[in-house]
Protein backbone atom coordinates (compact mmCIF):
# COMPACT_ATOMS: atom_id res chain seq x y z
CA MET A 1 147.59 82.22 111.27
CA ILE A 2 144.82 79.62 111.43
CA SER A 3 144.91 76.35 109.45
CA VAL A 4 141.82 75.26 107.52
CA SER A 5 140.39 71.95 106.48
CA LEU A 6 138.24 72.10 103.43
CA CYS A 7 135.43 69.49 103.65
CA MET A 8 133.18 68.38 100.82
CA ILE A 9 130.74 65.57 99.95
CA VAL A 10 130.53 64.75 96.37
CA LYS A 11 128.72 62.52 93.77
CA ASN A 12 129.09 62.53 90.02
CA GLU A 13 130.66 66.15 90.12
CA GLU A 14 133.10 65.88 87.15
CA GLU A 15 131.81 68.89 85.38
CA THR A 16 132.13 71.29 88.22
CA ILE A 17 134.59 69.74 90.81
CA GLY A 18 137.77 70.90 89.11
CA ASN A 19 136.78 74.43 88.96
CA CYS A 20 135.63 74.37 92.63
CA LEU A 21 138.95 72.92 93.98
CA SER A 22 141.05 75.13 91.70
CA SER A 23 139.48 78.30 93.06
CA ILE A 24 140.33 77.57 96.60
CA ALA A 25 143.05 74.88 96.90
CA GLN A 26 145.97 77.27 97.44
CA ALA A 27 144.12 78.88 100.31
CA VAL A 28 143.53 75.73 102.36
CA ASP A 29 145.82 73.41 104.29
CA GLU A 30 143.86 70.17 103.73
CA ILE A 31 141.23 68.87 101.36
CA ILE A 32 138.68 66.12 102.59
CA ILE A 33 136.56 64.73 99.84
CA VAL A 34 133.87 62.28 100.89
CA ASP A 35 132.35 60.61 97.84
CA THR A 36 128.79 59.17 98.18
CA GLY A 37 128.88 56.95 95.04
CA SER A 38 130.30 58.53 91.93
CA THR A 39 130.48 56.56 88.72
CA ASP A 40 131.94 59.24 86.66
CA GLN A 41 135.66 60.97 86.69
CA THR A 42 134.90 62.63 89.98
CA GLU A 43 137.45 60.58 92.14
CA SER A 44 140.24 60.98 89.42
CA ILE A 45 139.79 64.72 89.09
CA VAL A 46 139.96 65.25 93.16
CA ARG A 47 142.81 62.99 93.43
CA GLY A 48 144.76 65.64 91.50
CA PHE A 49 144.14 68.01 94.56
CA THR A 50 144.30 65.57 97.52
CA ASP A 51 144.86 62.19 98.59
CA LYS A 52 142.33 62.33 101.37
CA VAL A 53 139.43 60.91 99.48
CA TYR A 54 136.98 58.74 101.47
CA SER A 55 133.79 56.79 100.50
CA PHE A 56 130.66 56.88 102.36
CA GLN A 57 127.62 54.74 101.70
CA TRP A 58 124.80 56.96 100.75
CA ILE A 59 121.76 56.52 103.23
CA ASP A 60 119.48 59.47 102.07
CA ASP A 61 120.99 61.62 104.79
CA PHE A 62 123.05 64.74 103.70
CA ALA A 63 123.85 65.67 107.38
CA ALA A 64 125.42 62.13 108.09
CA ALA A 65 127.64 62.47 105.08
CA ARG A 66 128.85 66.10 106.01
CA ASN A 67 129.34 65.07 109.74
CA TYR A 68 131.37 62.24 108.55
CA ALA A 69 133.46 64.60 106.27
CA PHE A 70 134.08 66.93 109.25
CA ARG A 71 135.26 64.01 111.40
CA GLN A 72 138.07 63.54 108.90
CA ALA A 73 139.42 67.18 109.34
CA THR A 74 142.64 67.79 111.34
CA LYS A 75 143.12 71.61 111.01
CA ASP A 76 142.02 74.56 113.23
CA TYR A 77 139.00 75.48 111.24
CA ILE A 78 136.67 73.58 108.70
CA LEU A 79 135.55 75.33 105.42
CA TRP A 80 132.66 73.51 103.62
CA LEU A 81 131.80 74.07 99.93
CA ASP A 82 129.57 72.16 97.36
CA ALA A 83 131.09 70.88 94.13
CA ASP A 84 129.46 73.70 92.02
CA ASP A 85 130.64 76.51 94.15
CA ILE A 86 133.77 78.67 93.66
CA LEU A 87 135.49 81.60 95.19
CA LYS A 88 136.18 84.39 92.67
CA LYS A 89 139.44 86.12 92.60
CA GLU A 90 138.49 89.01 95.05
CA ASP A 91 136.90 86.54 97.42
CA PHE A 92 140.03 84.20 97.20
CA ASP A 93 142.20 87.20 98.41
CA LYS A 94 139.79 88.05 101.02
CA PHE A 95 139.80 84.56 102.43
CA VAL A 96 143.66 84.48 102.32
CA GLU A 97 143.42 87.69 104.35
CA LEU A 98 140.97 86.15 106.83
CA LYS A 99 143.08 83.40 107.51
CA ALA A 100 146.03 85.69 108.40
CA THR A 101 143.90 87.94 110.65
CA LEU A 102 141.24 85.70 112.16
CA ASP A 103 141.10 85.77 116.06
CA PRO A 104 141.30 82.09 117.20
CA THR A 105 138.58 82.69 119.65
CA VAL A 106 136.07 82.96 116.76
CA ASP A 107 133.89 79.97 116.66
CA SER A 108 132.18 80.65 113.14
CA VAL A 109 132.66 82.84 110.22
CA THR A 110 129.59 83.53 107.70
CA MET A 111 129.94 84.33 104.18
CA PHE A 112 127.44 85.61 101.52
CA TYR A 113 126.30 82.94 98.98
CA ASN A 114 125.30 84.32 95.65
CA TYR A 115 123.02 81.41 94.50
CA ALA A 116 121.24 82.62 91.42
CA PHE A 117 121.97 85.19 88.72
CA ASP A 118 120.35 87.25 85.93
CA GLU A 119 121.50 87.19 82.41
CA TYR A 120 123.98 89.92 83.25
CA GLY A 121 125.68 88.01 86.12
CA ASN A 122 123.92 90.07 88.76
CA PRO A 123 122.82 88.12 91.77
CA THR A 124 119.05 87.33 92.07
CA SER A 125 119.27 85.21 95.17
CA ARG A 126 121.70 86.04 98.12
CA PHE A 127 121.96 84.92 101.70
CA ARG A 128 124.45 84.16 104.38
CA ARG A 129 125.65 80.84 105.70
CA ASN A 130 128.11 79.59 108.46
CA ARG A 131 131.16 78.67 106.14
CA LEU A 132 134.18 78.39 108.40
CA VAL A 133 133.92 76.81 111.78
CA LYS A 134 136.26 75.94 114.46
CA ARG A 135 137.04 72.21 114.46
CA ALA A 136 137.51 71.81 118.25
CA ASN A 137 133.73 72.81 118.83
CA GLN A 138 132.54 69.68 116.99
CA PHE A 139 129.57 71.59 115.52
CA LYS A 140 127.08 69.12 113.96
CA TRP A 141 124.99 69.20 110.87
CA ILE A 142 121.22 68.66 111.41
CA GLY A 143 118.62 67.34 109.11
CA ALA A 144 118.66 64.51 106.60
CA ILE A 145 117.77 66.98 103.83
CA HIS A 146 118.25 70.62 103.54
CA GLU A 147 120.73 70.17 106.28
CA TYR A 148 121.99 73.16 108.37
CA LEU A 149 125.10 73.57 110.48
CA GLU A 150 124.28 74.32 114.17
CA VAL A 151 126.67 76.68 115.59
CA ARG A 152 127.09 78.79 118.72
CA GLY A 153 129.37 81.17 120.19
CA THR A 154 131.33 83.95 118.67
CA ILE A 155 130.19 84.36 115.03
CA VAL A 156 131.81 86.89 112.58
CA ASN A 157 130.01 88.16 109.39
CA SER A 158 132.63 88.43 106.77
CA ASP A 159 132.38 90.10 103.44
CA ILE A 160 133.54 86.98 101.42
CA THR A 161 131.02 85.70 98.77
CA VAL A 162 130.71 82.09 97.78
CA THR A 163 129.51 81.84 94.13
CA HIS A 164 127.22 79.14 92.96
CA CYS A 165 127.74 77.87 89.44
CA ARG A 166 125.03 75.35 88.95
CA ILE A 167 125.17 73.24 85.69
CA HIS A 168 122.74 70.51 86.60
CA HIS A 169 119.09 70.95 86.38
CA LYS A 170 117.11 70.42 89.60
CA SER A 171 116.49 66.65 90.05
CA ASP A 172 113.58 64.85 91.78
CA ARG A 173 116.02 63.32 94.35
CA ASN A 174 115.07 65.57 97.34
CA LEU A 175 111.36 65.21 96.54
CA LYS A 176 111.66 61.43 96.55
CA ILE A 177 113.64 61.49 99.92
CA PHE A 178 110.63 63.58 101.64
CA GLN A 179 108.14 61.29 99.89
CA ASN A 180 109.72 58.30 101.28
CA ARG A 181 109.91 59.77 104.83
CA LEU A 182 106.20 60.44 104.56
CA LEU A 183 105.41 56.81 103.46
CA ARG A 184 107.52 55.67 106.45
CA GLY A 185 105.18 57.64 108.80
CA GLU A 186 107.80 59.99 109.99
CA GLU A 187 106.64 63.15 111.47
CA PHE A 188 107.88 66.28 109.76
CA THR A 189 109.40 69.16 111.74
CA PRO A 190 108.34 72.72 110.95
CA ARG A 191 111.58 72.98 108.91
CA ASP A 192 110.72 69.72 107.14
CA LEU A 193 107.27 71.13 106.23
CA TYR A 194 108.84 74.29 104.74
CA TYR A 195 111.55 72.35 102.59
CA TYR A 196 109.08 69.77 101.51
CA ALA A 197 106.73 72.74 100.29
CA ASN A 198 109.78 73.99 98.50
CA GLU A 199 110.33 70.65 96.59
CA LEU A 200 106.67 70.64 95.67
CA PHE A 201 106.93 74.21 94.24
CA ASP A 202 109.91 73.44 92.26
CA HIS A 203 108.12 70.39 90.77
CA LYS A 204 105.03 72.49 89.93
CA LYS A 205 102.87 70.85 92.30
CA TYR A 206 101.29 74.09 93.49
CA ALA A 207 98.13 73.13 95.07
CA LYS A 208 99.97 70.70 97.32
CA ALA A 209 102.75 73.13 97.88
CA VAL A 210 100.15 75.60 99.12
CA GLN A 211 98.87 72.87 101.51
CA TYR A 212 102.44 72.46 103.01
CA TYR A 213 103.41 76.06 103.15
CA ASN A 214 100.18 76.63 105.16
CA LYS A 215 101.01 73.64 107.46
CA PHE A 216 104.45 75.07 108.15
CA LEU A 217 103.01 78.66 108.86
CA ALA A 218 100.30 77.18 111.06
CA THR A 219 103.05 75.72 113.45
CA GLY A 220 104.22 79.23 114.34
CA GLN A 221 107.41 77.61 115.20
CA GLY A 222 109.55 78.32 111.95
CA TRP A 223 112.49 80.48 111.56
CA VAL A 224 111.09 84.09 110.66
CA GLU A 225 112.93 84.13 107.18
CA ASP A 226 111.29 80.96 106.22
CA GLU A 227 107.96 82.19 107.09
CA ILE A 228 108.59 85.26 105.07
CA SER A 229 109.82 83.19 102.11
CA SER A 230 106.65 81.01 102.53
CA CYS A 231 104.65 83.92 102.04
CA SER A 232 106.46 84.77 98.80
CA LYS A 233 106.08 81.35 97.58
CA LEU A 234 102.50 81.16 98.37
CA ALA A 235 102.01 84.44 96.42
CA ASP A 236 103.83 82.63 93.50
CA CYS A 237 101.52 79.41 93.82
CA TYR A 238 98.30 81.32 93.67
CA GLU A 239 99.51 83.43 90.64
CA ARG A 240 100.18 80.08 88.89
CA LEU A 241 96.75 78.66 90.10
CA GLY A 242 94.97 81.73 88.72
CA ASP A 243 93.91 83.22 92.02
CA PRO A 244 95.59 86.84 92.08
CA GLU A 245 93.53 87.84 94.99
CA LYS A 246 94.81 85.06 97.33
CA SER A 247 98.31 86.01 95.91
CA LEU A 248 97.77 89.58 97.04
CA GLU A 249 96.73 88.32 100.39
CA SER A 250 99.91 86.21 100.66
CA VAL A 251 102.02 89.32 100.08
CA PHE A 252 100.13 91.23 102.78
CA ARG A 253 100.47 88.23 105.13
CA SER A 254 104.35 88.59 104.97
CA PHE A 255 103.93 91.85 106.94
CA ARG A 256 103.00 89.81 110.04
CA TYR A 257 106.63 88.72 110.36
CA ASP A 258 108.54 91.87 109.30
CA SER A 259 108.36 95.40 107.73
CA PRO A 260 107.61 95.28 103.98
CA ARG A 261 110.56 93.88 102.20
CA ALA A 262 111.63 95.01 98.72
CA GLU A 263 110.32 91.92 96.96
CA PHE A 264 106.82 92.23 98.41
CA CYS A 265 106.75 96.04 97.64
CA CYS A 266 107.60 95.27 93.87
CA ARG A 267 104.86 92.67 93.91
CA LEU A 268 102.31 95.25 95.21
CA GLY A 269 103.69 97.81 92.63
CA TYR A 270 103.14 95.30 89.83
CA TYR A 271 99.67 94.52 91.15
CA PHE A 272 98.54 98.25 91.08
CA LEU A 273 100.53 99.03 87.79
CA ASN A 274 98.30 96.29 86.10
CA ARG A 275 95.28 97.92 87.31
CA LYS A 276 96.46 101.36 86.10
CA GLN A 277 96.50 102.60 89.76
CA TYR A 278 99.68 104.35 89.01
CA GLU A 279 99.94 106.73 92.04
CA THR A 280 99.42 103.64 94.21
CA ALA A 281 102.07 101.72 92.24
CA ILE A 282 104.64 104.42 92.73
CA PHE A 283 104.12 104.47 96.32
CA TRP A 284 105.16 100.76 96.48
CA TYR A 285 107.92 100.94 93.94
CA LYS A 286 109.50 103.97 95.74
CA LEU A 287 109.24 101.94 99.00
CA ALA A 288 111.20 99.15 97.37
CA ALA A 289 113.86 101.44 95.73
CA GLY A 290 114.41 103.16 99.02
CA GLN A 291 115.53 99.98 100.74
CA LYS A 292 119.23 99.41 101.25
CA THR A 293 120.87 96.11 100.58
CA GLN A 294 120.87 94.13 104.13
CA ASP A 295 124.33 93.00 104.36
CA GLU A 296 123.69 91.34 107.64
CA HIS A 297 120.52 89.82 106.48
CA TRP A 298 120.50 86.14 106.94
CA GLY A 299 117.31 85.33 104.68
CA PHE A 300 116.97 85.01 101.04
CA THR A 301 117.09 88.24 99.45
CA ASN A 302 116.74 89.35 95.67
CA PRO A 303 118.80 92.42 95.07
CA THR A 304 116.96 93.04 91.79
CA CYS A 305 114.01 94.29 93.87
CA SER A 306 115.89 97.08 95.51
CA THR A 307 118.03 98.15 92.75
CA TRP A 308 117.08 98.34 88.99
CA LEU A 309 113.80 96.77 88.84
CA PRO A 310 111.72 99.39 90.98
CA HIS A 311 113.22 102.24 88.95
CA LEU A 312 112.42 100.61 85.66
CA GLN A 313 108.81 100.30 86.74
CA LEU A 314 108.73 103.85 88.13
CA CYS A 315 109.82 105.01 84.56
CA VAL A 316 106.77 102.94 83.36
CA CYS A 317 104.39 104.68 85.91
CA TYR A 318 105.55 108.11 85.40
CA ASP A 319 105.36 107.73 81.58
CA ARG A 320 101.65 106.70 81.89
CA LEU A 321 101.06 109.79 83.80
CA GLY A 322 102.80 112.19 81.23
CA LYS A 323 105.59 112.84 83.64
CA TYR A 324 108.33 112.26 81.19
CA GLU A 325 111.23 113.87 82.75
CA THR A 326 110.68 111.90 86.02
CA ALA A 327 110.35 108.70 84.10
CA TYR A 328 113.54 109.53 82.33
CA GLU A 329 115.48 110.01 85.49
CA HIS A 330 114.32 106.60 87.00
CA ASN A 331 115.13 104.89 83.70
CA GLU A 332 118.74 106.24 83.83
CA ILE A 333 118.90 104.99 87.53
CA ALA A 334 117.99 101.48 86.12
CA ARG A 335 120.47 101.96 83.35
CA GLY A 336 123.21 102.30 85.80
CA TYR A 337 122.63 98.96 87.15
CA ARG A 338 122.01 97.25 83.67
CA PRO A 339 123.58 99.22 81.02
CA ASN A 340 123.06 96.90 78.10
CA ASP A 341 119.31 96.04 79.05
CA ARG A 342 117.42 96.21 75.63
CA SER A 343 114.16 97.38 77.32
CA ILE A 344 115.99 100.16 79.40
CA LEU A 345 117.81 101.35 76.18
CA GLN A 346 114.63 101.39 74.33
CA ASN A 347 112.93 103.57 77.02
CA LYS A 348 115.97 105.96 76.86
CA LYS A 349 115.53 106.46 73.14
CA TYR A 350 111.70 106.78 73.33
CA LEU A 351 111.86 109.32 76.30
CA GLU A 352 114.49 111.41 74.73
CA SER A 353 112.76 111.61 71.49
CA ILE A 354 109.77 113.09 73.48
CA LEU A 355 111.85 115.36 75.88
CA ASN A 356 113.90 116.74 72.75
CA LYS A 357 110.68 118.01 71.28
């Protein structure tokens, strides 16, 4: 059986760190906590789980802090989490099984990351990350902000999911780091351009976000998943700026990088539904509904767009066309995913009143 060091960087995480460590502590052999300047009860909480607590002077560089944490590890493999992450019971059990069975020649194990959720707890943002890496390989974190772990060798994709449990609202910390780098005259990599555009988008600076998404795409050197994501964010920006035609162009722009993803199919379905072009809308919603969840997919995915949402919208389209039985069938499929959704239940009642006549 392999041994595992959990390595984390933290700052003022008293609201979440206890739940995080409680969800994984019994499955790891060592816990390394690197504190970058907490002023709350974070340190006293983590000391209830480990005495390996280190201080690191914050220098606006996440990779530097994470690499420092990794250097403190002593076990075969390193697992990393953020303070607002947890492993649910089923994933804890899977992790224990992974520890007992992992081939020690494996260099990295990826896990799903459920990052955002709807009101029923269903994931709306899901992607993969390298989570468990062999310590002897001395893999490094790259990037002062929105850092990534550079790995190589034999990589195994597991079915373990890390669940994000955000409490804090998004701050302007990352935006300020990017802005200070620009003021210092630093040259941004394509990846920097993409993540700076994301920060601008999150802070509702849509016109400037458009500028930087286009700068990023113009380099032609980005990760394809970031390029596809940029097209989606551009579509959102243009919608908020009141330019639906450029939003539509951004959706079609995504097709340069891959076959139509479910999210973009739903966008097109919505565009044509609003223009009462129901048959065209049906084409795109069916294409979205027919896409399977891509478990090996590394990019950001929204399972909503290939599960209940296209069926709910197909219900609307078929209702407008007077095809009530087909509308009912799609509404029932949507209800299978969201049995308590008020709009779906209202559709059910409405369509049954028509069909029973």
